[in-house]
Amino acid sequence: MFSNLRNGAPVYILHKQEPKVEIGEVVSVGQPQPQYNIAYQNGMMQQPKMLVDVRVKIGEQTIDLQKLPSDLTVADCNGMVVSETK
């Protein structure tokens, strides 16, 4: 899960536009934040979806992957597929 990533962990990034794979290293992981405030459906309170920001270093470049679902291991982010596993 993206919320469990730690500094130095590998992150795999597949670029969709120009098919290429890059391997980055986690620099920092933010605290999980709710996607929205408390939601109600049929009068019942629902747990909001939690999102996390991850900063990744690829070579000499550092990129920010924002609003990744904290409970997933693979996510679509700005034209890239981001994964914590191969």
PDB file of N, CA and C in Angstrom:
ATOM      1  N   MET A   1       0.841  -1.178   0.000  1.00  0.00           N
ATOM      2  CA  MET A   1       0.000   0.000   0.000  1.00  0.00           C
ATOM      3  C   MET A   1       0.888   1.245   0.000  1.00  0.00           C
ATOM      4  N   PHE A   2       0.442   2.260  -0.700  1.00  0.00           N
ATOM      5  CA  PHE A   2       1.238   3.477  -0.805  1.00  0.00           C
ATOM      6  C   PHE A   2       1.464   4.132   0.561  1.00  0.00           C
ATOM      7  N   SER A   3       0.523   3.979   1.471  1.00  0.00           N
ATOM      8  CA  SER A   3       0.692   4.581   2.792  1.00  0.00           C
ATOM      9  C   SER A   3       1.791   3.897   3.593  1.00  0.00           C
ATOM     10  N   ASN A   4       2.172   2.677   3.226  1.00  0.00           N
ATOM     11  CA  ASN A   4       3.212   1.937   3.937  1.00  0.00           C
ATOM     12  C   ASN A   4       4.607   2.129   3.341  1.00  0.00           C
ATOM     13  N   LEU A   5       4.736   2.906   2.265  1.00  0.00           N
ATOM     14  CA  LEU A   5       6.047   3.146   1.661  1.00  0.00           C
ATOM     15  C   LEU A   5       6.942   3.890   2.636  1.00  0.00           C
ATOM     16  N   ARG A   6       8.221   3.568   2.597  1.00  0.00           N
ATOM     17  CA  ARG A   6       9.210   4.226   3.444  1.00  0.00           C
ATOM     18  C   ARG A   6      10.326   4.793   2.578  1.00  0.00           C
ATOM     19  N   ASN A   7      11.097   5.702   3.142  1.00  0.00           N
ATOM     20  CA  ASN A   7      12.216   6.308   2.416  1.00  0.00           C
ATOM     21  C   ASN A   7      13.151   5.221   1.903  1.00  0.00           C
ATOM     22  N   GLY A   8      13.549   5.348   0.641  1.00  0.00           N
ATOM     23  CA  GLY A   8      14.461   4.401   0.020  1.00  0.00           C
ATOM     24  C   GLY A   8      13.779   3.230  -0.666  1.00  0.00           C
ATOM     25  N   ALA A   9      12.480   3.082  -0.501  1.00  0.00           N
ATOM     26  CA  ALA A   9      11.745   1.981  -1.140  1.00  0.00           C
ATOM     27  C   ALA A   9      11.647   2.224  -2.646  1.00  0.00           C
ATOM     28  N   PRO A  10      11.691   1.165  -3.460  1.00  0.00           N
ATOM     29  CA  PRO A  10      11.572   1.350  -4.914  1.00  0.00           C
ATOM     30  C   PRO A  10      10.125   1.612  -5.332  1.00  0.00           C
ATOM     31  N   VAL A  11       9.972   2.424  -6.374  1.00  0.00           N
ATOM     32  CA  VAL A  11       8.672   2.696  -6.977  1.00  0.00           C
ATOM     33  C   VAL A  11       8.852   2.550  -8.478  1.00  0.00           C
ATOM     34  N   TYR A  12       7.939   1.842  -9.118  1.00  0.00           N
ATOM     35  CA  TYR A  12       8.008   1.575 -10.556  1.00  0.00           C
ATOM     36  C   TYR A  12       6.993   2.455 -11.262  1.00  0.00           C
ATOM     37  N   ILE A  13       7.454   3.155 -12.299  1.00  0.00           N
ATOM     38  CA  ILE A  13       6.605   4.103 -13.018  1.00  0.00           C
ATOM     39  C   ILE A  13       6.595   3.750 -14.494  1.00  0.00           C
ATOM     40  N   LEU A  14       5.400   3.500 -15.021  1.00  0.00           N
ATOM     41  CA  LEU A  14       5.208   3.226 -16.446  1.00  0.00           C
ATOM     42  C   LEU A  14       4.570   4.452 -17.069  1.00  0.00           C
ATOM     43  N   HIS A  15       5.269   5.076 -18.027  1.00  0.00           N
ATOM     44  CA  HIS A  15       4.737   6.238 -18.735  1.00  0.00           C
ATOM     45  C   HIS A  15       3.871   5.735 -19.881  1.00  0.00           C
ATOM     46  N   LYS A  16       2.644   6.229 -19.970  1.00  0.00           N
ATOM     47  CA  LYS A  16       1.700   5.766 -20.992  1.00  0.00           C
ATOM     48  C   LYS A  16       1.951   6.380 -22.363  1.00  0.00           C
ATOM     49  N   GLN A  17       2.279   7.671 -22.416  1.00  0.00           N
ATOM     50  CA  GLN A  17       2.418   8.374 -23.693  1.00  0.00           C
ATOM     51  C   GLN A  17       3.569   7.822 -24.516  1.00  0.00           C
ATOM     52  N   GLU A  18       4.727   7.745 -23.917  1.00  0.00           N
ATOM     53  CA  GLU A  18       5.898   7.159 -24.553  1.00  0.00           C
ATOM     54  C   GLU A  18       6.252   5.944 -23.703  1.00  0.00           C
ATOM     55  N   PRO A  19       5.871   4.760 -24.137  1.00  0.00           N
ATOM     56  CA  PRO A  19       6.021   3.580 -23.279  1.00  0.00           C
ATOM     57  C   PRO A  19       7.458   3.379 -22.790  1.00  0.00           C
ATOM     58  N   LYS A  20       7.662   3.663 -21.520  1.00  0.00           N
ATOM     59  CA  LYS A  20       8.941   3.392 -20.879  1.00  0.00           C
ATOM     60  C   LYS A  20       8.702   3.216 -19.391  1.00  0.00           C
ATOM     61  N   VAL A  21       9.584   2.448 -18.780  1.00  0.00           N
ATOM     62  CA  VAL A  21       9.489   2.178 -17.352  1.00  0.00           C
ATOM     63  C   VAL A  21      10.688   2.802 -16.656  1.00  0.00           C
ATOM     64  N   GLU A  22      10.417   3.451 -15.545  1.00  0.00           N
ATOM     65  CA  GLU A  22      11.481   4.024 -14.727  1.00  0.00           C
ATOM     66  C   GLU A  22      11.346   3.479 -13.314  1.00  0.00           C
ATOM     67  N   ILE A  23      12.476   3.334 -12.659  1.00  0.00           N
ATOM     68  CA  ILE A  23      12.472   2.903 -11.266  1.00  0.00           C
ATOM     69  C   ILE A  23      12.973   4.064 -10.424  1.00  0.00           C
ATOM     70  N   GLY A  24      12.160   4.464  -9.461  1.00  0.00           N
ATOM     71  CA  GLY A  24      12.516   5.572  -8.588  1.00  0.00           C
ATOM     72  C   GLY A  24      12.677   5.101  -7.159  1.00  0.00           C
ATOM     73  N   GLU A  25      13.118   6.013  -6.337  1.00  0.00           N
ATOM     74  CA  GLU A  25      13.334   5.743  -4.920  1.00  0.00           C
ATOM     75  C   GLU A  25      12.531   6.754  -4.114  1.00  0.00           C
ATOM     76  N   VAL A  26      11.797   6.278  -3.137  1.00  0.00           N
ATOM     77  CA  VAL A  26      10.958   7.150  -2.317  1.00  0.00           C
ATOM     78  C   VAL A  26      11.842   8.081  -1.500  1.00  0.00           C
ATOM     79  N   VAL A  27      11.541   9.380  -1.572  1.00  0.00           N
ATOM     80  CA  VAL A  27      12.234  10.389  -0.793  1.00  0.00           C
ATOM     81  C   VAL A  27      11.415  10.716   0.453  1.00  0.00           C
ATOM     82  N   SER A  28      10.090  10.847   0.268  1.00  0.00           N
ATOM     83  CA  SER A  28       9.221  11.130   1.405  1.00  0.00           C
ATOM     84  C   SER A  28       7.786  10.716   1.084  1.00  0.00           C
ATOM     85  N   VAL A  29       7.042  10.434   2.138  1.00  0.00           N
ATOM     86  CA  VAL A  29       5.631  10.062   2.026  1.00  0.00           C
ATOM     87  C   VAL A  29       4.855  10.942   2.993  1.00  0.00           C
ATOM     88  N   GLY A  30       3.817  11.621   2.482  1.00  0.00           N
ATOM     89  CA  GLY A  30       3.001  12.475   3.330  1.00  0.00           C
ATOM     90  C   GLY A  30       2.010  11.672   4.162  1.00  0.00           C
ATOM     91  N   GLN A  31       1.359  12.351   5.065  1.00  0.00           N
ATOM     92  CA  GLN A  31       0.330  11.729   5.886  1.00  0.00           C
ATOM     93  C   GLN A  31      -0.937  11.523   5.057  1.00  0.00           C
ATOM     94  N   PRO A  32      -1.625  10.401   5.234  1.00  0.00           N
ATOM     95  CA  PRO A  32      -2.885  10.193   4.508  1.00  0.00           C
ATOM     96  C   PRO A  32      -3.897  11.296   4.843  1.00  0.00           C
ATOM     97  N   GLN A  33      -4.555  11.793   3.806  1.00  0.00           N
ATOM     98  CA  GLN A  33      -5.561  12.845   3.937  1.00  0.00           C
ATOM     99  C   GLN A  33      -6.868  12.348   3.334  1.00  0.00           C
ATOM    100  N   PRO A  34      -8.013  12.718   3.883  1.00  0.00           N
ATOM    101  CA  PRO A  34      -9.287  12.295   3.281  1.00  0.00           C
ATOM    102  C   PRO A  34      -9.517  12.985   1.944  1.00  0.00           C
ATOM    103  N   GLN A  35     -10.098  12.238   1.002  1.00  0.00           N
ATOM    104  CA  GLN A  35     -10.399  12.803  -0.316  1.00  0.00           C
ATOM    105  C   GLN A  35     -11.501  13.852  -0.200  1.00  0.00           C
ATOM    106  N   TYR A  36     -12.398  13.638   0.705  1.00  0.00           N
ATOM    107  CA  TYR A  36     -13.498  14.568   0.929  1.00  0.00           C
ATOM    108  C   TYR A  36     -13.912  14.455   2.384  1.00  0.00           C
ATOM    109  N   ASN A  37     -14.732  15.373   2.814  1.00  0.00           N
ATOM    110  CA  ASN A  37     -15.205  15.322   4.186  1.00  0.00           C
ATOM    111  C   ASN A  37     -16.178  14.159   4.366  1.00  0.00           C
ATOM    112  N   ILE A  38     -16.709  14.038   5.517  1.00  0.00           N
ATOM    113  CA  ILE A  38     -17.612  12.931   5.839  1.00  0.00           C
ATOM    114  C   ILE A  38     -18.758  12.887   4.835  1.00  0.00           C
ATOM    115  N   ALA A  39     -18.974  11.701   4.288  1.00  0.00           N
ATOM    116  CA  ALA A  39     -20.030  11.509   3.294  1.00  0.00           C
ATOM    117  C   ALA A  39     -21.154  10.669   3.908  1.00  0.00           C
ATOM    118  N   TYR A  40     -22.349  10.954   3.494  1.00  0.00           N
ATOM    119  CA  TYR A  40     -23.505  10.201   3.965  1.00  0.00           C
ATOM    120  C   TYR A  40     -24.197   9.562   2.779  1.00  0.00           C
ATOM    121  N   GLN A  41     -24.537   8.306   2.907  1.00  0.00           N
ATOM    122  CA  GLN A  41     -25.291   7.610   1.879  1.00  0.00           C
ATOM    123  C   GLN A  41     -26.382   6.821   2.586  1.00  0.00           C
ATOM    124  N   ASN A  42     -27.613   7.085   2.200  1.00  0.00           N
ATOM    125  CA  ASN A  42     -28.770   6.462   2.833  1.00  0.00           C
ATOM    126  C   ASN A  42     -28.767   6.693   4.343  1.00  0.00           C
ATOM    127  N   GLY A  43     -28.325   7.874   4.754  1.00  0.00           N
ATOM    128  CA  GLY A  43     -28.319   8.218   6.166  1.00  0.00           C
ATOM    129  C   GLY A  43     -27.185   7.602   6.957  1.00  0.00           C
ATOM    130  N   MET A  44     -26.301   6.857   6.299  1.00  0.00           N
ATOM    131  CA  MET A  44     -25.183   6.201   6.979  1.00  0.00           C
ATOM    132  C   MET A  44     -23.888   6.952   6.659  1.00  0.00           C
ATOM    133  N   MET A  45     -23.069   7.140   7.662  1.00  0.00           N
ATOM    134  CA  MET A  45     -21.782   7.799   7.453  1.00  0.00           C
ATOM    135  C   MET A  45     -20.819   6.809   6.809  1.00  0.00           C
ATOM    136  N   GLN A  46     -20.122   7.242   5.751  1.00  0.00           N
ATOM    137  CA  GLN A  46     -19.152   6.398   5.073  1.00  0.00           C
ATOM    138  C   GLN A  46     -17.741   6.866   5.366  1.00  0.00           C
ATOM    139  N   GLN A  47     -16.823   5.921   5.369  1.00  0.00           N
ATOM    140  CA  GLN A  47     -15.414   6.241   5.552  1.00  0.00           C
ATOM    141  C   GLN A  47     -14.897   6.930   4.297  1.00  0.00           C
ATOM    142  N   PRO A  48     -14.283   8.117   4.416  1.00  0.00           N
ATOM    143  CA  PRO A  48     -13.751   8.777   3.215  1.00  0.00           C
ATOM    144  C   PRO A  48     -12.539   8.028   2.679  1.00  0.00           C
ATOM    145  N   LYS A  49     -12.328   8.120   1.370  1.00  0.00           N
ATOM    146  CA  LYS A  49     -11.162   7.519   0.730  1.00  0.00           C
ATOM    147  C   LYS A  49      -9.940   8.335   1.127  1.00  0.00           C
ATOM    148  N   MET A  50      -8.878   7.649   1.546  1.00  0.00           N
ATOM    149  CA  MET A  50      -7.673   8.331   1.993  1.00  0.00           C
ATOM    150  C   MET A  50      -6.658   8.407   0.850  1.00  0.00           C
ATOM    151  N   LEU A  51      -6.013   9.570   0.713  1.00  0.00           N
ATOM    152  CA  LEU A  51      -5.029   9.824  -0.337  1.00  0.00           C
ATOM    153  C   LEU A  51      -3.708  10.225   0.307  1.00  0.00           C
ATOM    154  N   VAL A  52      -2.610   9.904  -0.389  1.00  0.00           N
ATOM    155  CA  VAL A  52      -1.288  10.209   0.136  1.00  0.00           C
ATOM    156  C   VAL A  52      -0.422  10.798  -0.980  1.00  0.00           C
ATOM    157  N   ASP A  53       0.469  11.724  -0.623  1.00  0.00           N
ATOM    158  CA  ASP A  53       1.418  12.315  -1.566  1.00  0.00           C
ATOM    159  C   ASP A  53       2.776  11.653  -1.361  1.00  0.00           C
ATOM    160  N   VAL A  54       3.412  11.266  -2.468  1.00  0.00           N
ATOM    161  CA  VAL A  54       4.714  10.592  -2.407  1.00  0.00           C
ATOM    162  C   VAL A  54       5.699  11.362  -3.273  1.00  0.00           C
ATOM    163  N   ARG A  55       6.872  11.632  -2.740  1.00  0.00           N
ATOM    164  CA  ARG A  55       7.951  12.278  -3.498  1.00  0.00           C
ATOM    165  C   ARG A  55       8.956  11.193  -3.859  1.00  0.00           C
ATOM    166  N   VAL A  56       9.287  11.105  -5.176  1.00  0.00           N
ATOM    167  CA  VAL A  56      10.139  10.040  -5.696  1.00  0.00           C
ATOM    168  C   VAL A  56      11.315  10.652  -6.448  1.00  0.00           C
ATOM    169  N   LYS A  57      12.499  10.073  -6.244  1.00  0.00           N
ATOM    170  CA  LYS A  57      13.693  10.507  -6.958  1.00  0.00           C
ATOM    171  C   LYS A  57      13.989   9.501  -8.060  1.00  0.00           C
ATOM    172  N   ILE A  58      14.048   9.998  -9.302  1.00  0.00           N
ATOM    173  CA  ILE A  58      14.376   9.180 -10.466  1.00  0.00           C
ATOM    174  C   ILE A  58      15.644   9.785 -11.066  1.00  0.00           C
ATOM    175  N   GLY A  59      16.744   9.105 -10.919  1.00  0.00           N
ATOM    176  CA  GLY A  59      18.023   9.663 -11.364  1.00  0.00           C
ATOM    177  C   GLY A  59      18.339  10.900 -10.548  1.00  0.00           C
ATOM    178  N   GLU A  60      18.503  12.029 -11.207  1.00  0.00           N
ATOM    179  CA  GLU A  60      18.767  13.300 -10.531  1.00  0.00           C
ATOM    180  C   GLU A  60      17.496  14.123 -10.347  1.00  0.00           C
ATOM    181  N   GLN A  61      16.387  13.650 -10.887  1.00  0.00           N
ATOM    182  CA  GLN A  61      15.130  14.387 -10.878  1.00  0.00           C
ATOM    183  C   GLN A  61      14.237  13.896  -9.736  1.00  0.00           C
ATOM    184  N   THR A  62      13.550  14.813  -9.084  1.00  0.00           N
ATOM    185  CA  THR A  62      12.590  14.470  -8.041  1.00  0.00           C
ATOM    186  C   THR A  62      11.205  14.876  -8.514  1.00  0.00           C
ATOM    187  N   ILE A  63      10.251  13.936  -8.445  1.00  0.00           N
ATOM    188  CA  ILE A  63       8.881  14.239  -8.863  1.00  0.00           C
ATOM    189  C   ILE A  63       7.935  13.998  -7.702  1.00  0.00           C
ATOM    190  N   ASP A  64       6.821  14.712  -7.713  1.00  0.00           N
ATOM    191  CA  ASP A  64       5.782  14.550  -6.706  1.00  0.00           C
ATOM    192  C   ASP A  64       4.616  13.788  -7.321  1.00  0.00           C
ATOM    193  N   LEU A  65       4.253  12.703  -6.698  1.00  0.00           N
ATOM    194  CA  LEU A  65       3.073  11.931  -7.096  1.00  0.00           C
ATOM    195  C   LEU A  65       2.004  12.258  -6.070  1.00  0.00           C
ATOM    196  N   GLN A  66       1.027  13.042  -6.492  1.00  0.00           N
ATOM    197  CA  GLN A  66       0.044  13.552  -5.553  1.00  0.00           C
ATOM    198  C   GLN A  66      -1.251  12.764  -5.609  1.00  0.00           C
ATOM    199  N   LYS A  67      -1.862  12.656  -4.458  1.00  0.00           N
ATOM    200  CA  LYS A  67      -3.187  12.067  -4.279  1.00  0.00           C
ATOM    201  C   LYS A  67      -3.275  10.619  -4.761  1.00  0.00           C
ATOM    202  N   LEU A  68      -2.306   9.792  -4.341  1.00  0.00           N
ATOM    203  CA  LEU A  68      -2.367   8.362  -4.617  1.00  0.00           C
ATOM    204  C   LEU A  68      -3.254   7.714  -3.565  1.00  0.00           C
ATOM    205  N   PRO A  69      -4.132   6.795  -3.949  1.00  0.00           N
ATOM    206  CA  PRO A  69      -4.968   6.105  -2.955  1.00  0.00           C
ATOM    207  C   PRO A  69      -4.074   5.348  -1.964  1.00  0.00           C
ATOM    208  N   SER A  70      -4.221   5.646  -0.701  1.00  0.00           N
ATOM    209  CA  SER A  70      -3.314   5.096   0.303  1.00  0.00           C
ATOM    210  C   SER A  70      -3.477   3.589   0.496  1.00  0.00           C
ATOM    211  N   ASP A  71      -4.616   3.024   0.105  1.00  0.00           N
ATOM    212  CA  ASP A  71      -4.868   1.597   0.329  1.00  0.00           C
ATOM    213  C   ASP A  71      -4.571   0.725  -0.897  1.00  0.00           C
ATOM    214  N   LEU A  72      -4.015   1.302  -1.967  1.00  0.00           N
ATOM    215  CA  LEU A  72      -3.706   0.539  -3.175  1.00  0.00           C
ATOM    216  C   LEU A  72      -2.200   0.378  -3.356  1.00  0.00           C
ATOM    217  N   THR A  73      -1.805  -0.575  -4.222  1.00  0.00           N
ATOM    218  CA  THR A  73      -0.390  -0.758  -4.550  1.00  0.00           C
ATOM    219  C   THR A  73      -0.082  -0.334  -5.973  1.00  0.00           C
ATOM    220  N   VAL A  74      -1.132  -0.117  -6.791  1.00  0.00           N
ATOM    221  CA  VAL A  74      -0.993   0.348  -8.174  1.00  0.00           C
ATOM    222  C   VAL A  74      -2.013   1.457  -8.391  1.00  0.00           C
ATOM    223  N   ALA A  75      -1.576   2.553  -9.032  1.00  0.00           N
ATOM    224  CA  ALA A  75      -2.496   3.668  -9.269  1.00  0.00           C
ATOM    225  C   ALA A  75      -2.151   4.366 -10.579  1.00  0.00           C
ATOM    226  N   ASP A  76      -3.161   5.007 -11.172  1.00  0.00           N
ATOM    227  CA  ASP A  76      -3.003   5.818 -12.367  1.00  0.00           C
ATOM    228  C   ASP A  76      -2.845   7.264 -11.905  1.00  0.00           C
ATOM    229  N   CYS A  77      -1.736   7.889 -12.302  1.00  0.00           N
ATOM    230  CA  CYS A  77      -1.436   9.236 -11.815  1.00  0.00           C
ATOM    231  C   CYS A  77      -0.861  10.084 -12.941  1.00  0.00           C
ATOM    232  N   ASN A  78      -1.630  11.020 -13.461  1.00  0.00           N
ATOM    233  CA  ASN A  78      -1.152  11.977 -14.470  1.00  0.00           C
ATOM    234  C   ASN A  78      -0.495  11.310 -15.669  1.00  0.00           C
ATOM    235  N   GLY A  79      -1.157  10.349 -16.280  1.00  0.00           N
ATOM    236  CA  GLY A  79      -0.635   9.688 -17.470  1.00  0.00           C
ATOM    237  C   GLY A  79       0.450   8.661 -17.187  1.00  0.00           C
ATOM    238  N   MET A  80       0.580   8.271 -15.930  1.00  0.00           N
ATOM    239  CA  MET A  80       1.568   7.269 -15.536  1.00  0.00           C
ATOM    240  C   MET A  80       0.873   6.210 -14.682  1.00  0.00           C
ATOM    241  N   VAL A  81       1.382   5.003 -14.762  1.00  0.00           N
ATOM    242  CA  VAL A  81       0.938   3.950 -13.857  1.00  0.00           C
ATOM    243  C   VAL A  81       2.041   3.797 -12.825  1.00  0.00           C
ATOM    244  N   VAL A  82       1.700   3.981 -11.565  1.00  0.00           N
ATOM    245  CA  VAL A  82       2.656   3.942 -10.478  1.00  0.00           C
ATOM    246  C   VAL A  82       2.401   2.684  -9.664  1.00  0.00           C
ATOM    247  N   SER A  83       3.478   1.960  -9.336  1.00  0.00           N
ATOM    248  CA  SER A  83       3.337   0.726  -8.580  1.00  0.00           C
ATOM    249  C   SER A  83       4.474   0.601  -7.582  1.00  0.00           C
ATOM    250  N   GLU A  84       4.190  -0.004  -6.452  1.00  0.00           N
ATOM    251  CA  GLU A  84       5.251  -0.257  -5.482  1.00  0.00           C
ATOM    252  C   GLU A  84       5.861  -1.640  -5.685  1.00  0.00           C
ATOM    253  N   THR A  85       5.299  -2.436  -6.590  1.00  0.00           N
ATOM    254  CA  THR A  85       5.842  -3.761  -6.919  1.00  0.00           C
ATOM    255  C   THR A  85       5.979  -3.890  -8.423  1.00  0.00           C
ATOM    256  N   LYS A  86       6.854  -4.819  -8.846  1.00  0.00           N
ATOM    257  CA  LYS A  86       7.024  -5.041 -10.283  1.00  0.00           C
ATOM    258  C   LYS A  86       5.761  -5.622 -10.855  1.00  0.00           C
TER     259      LYS A  86
END
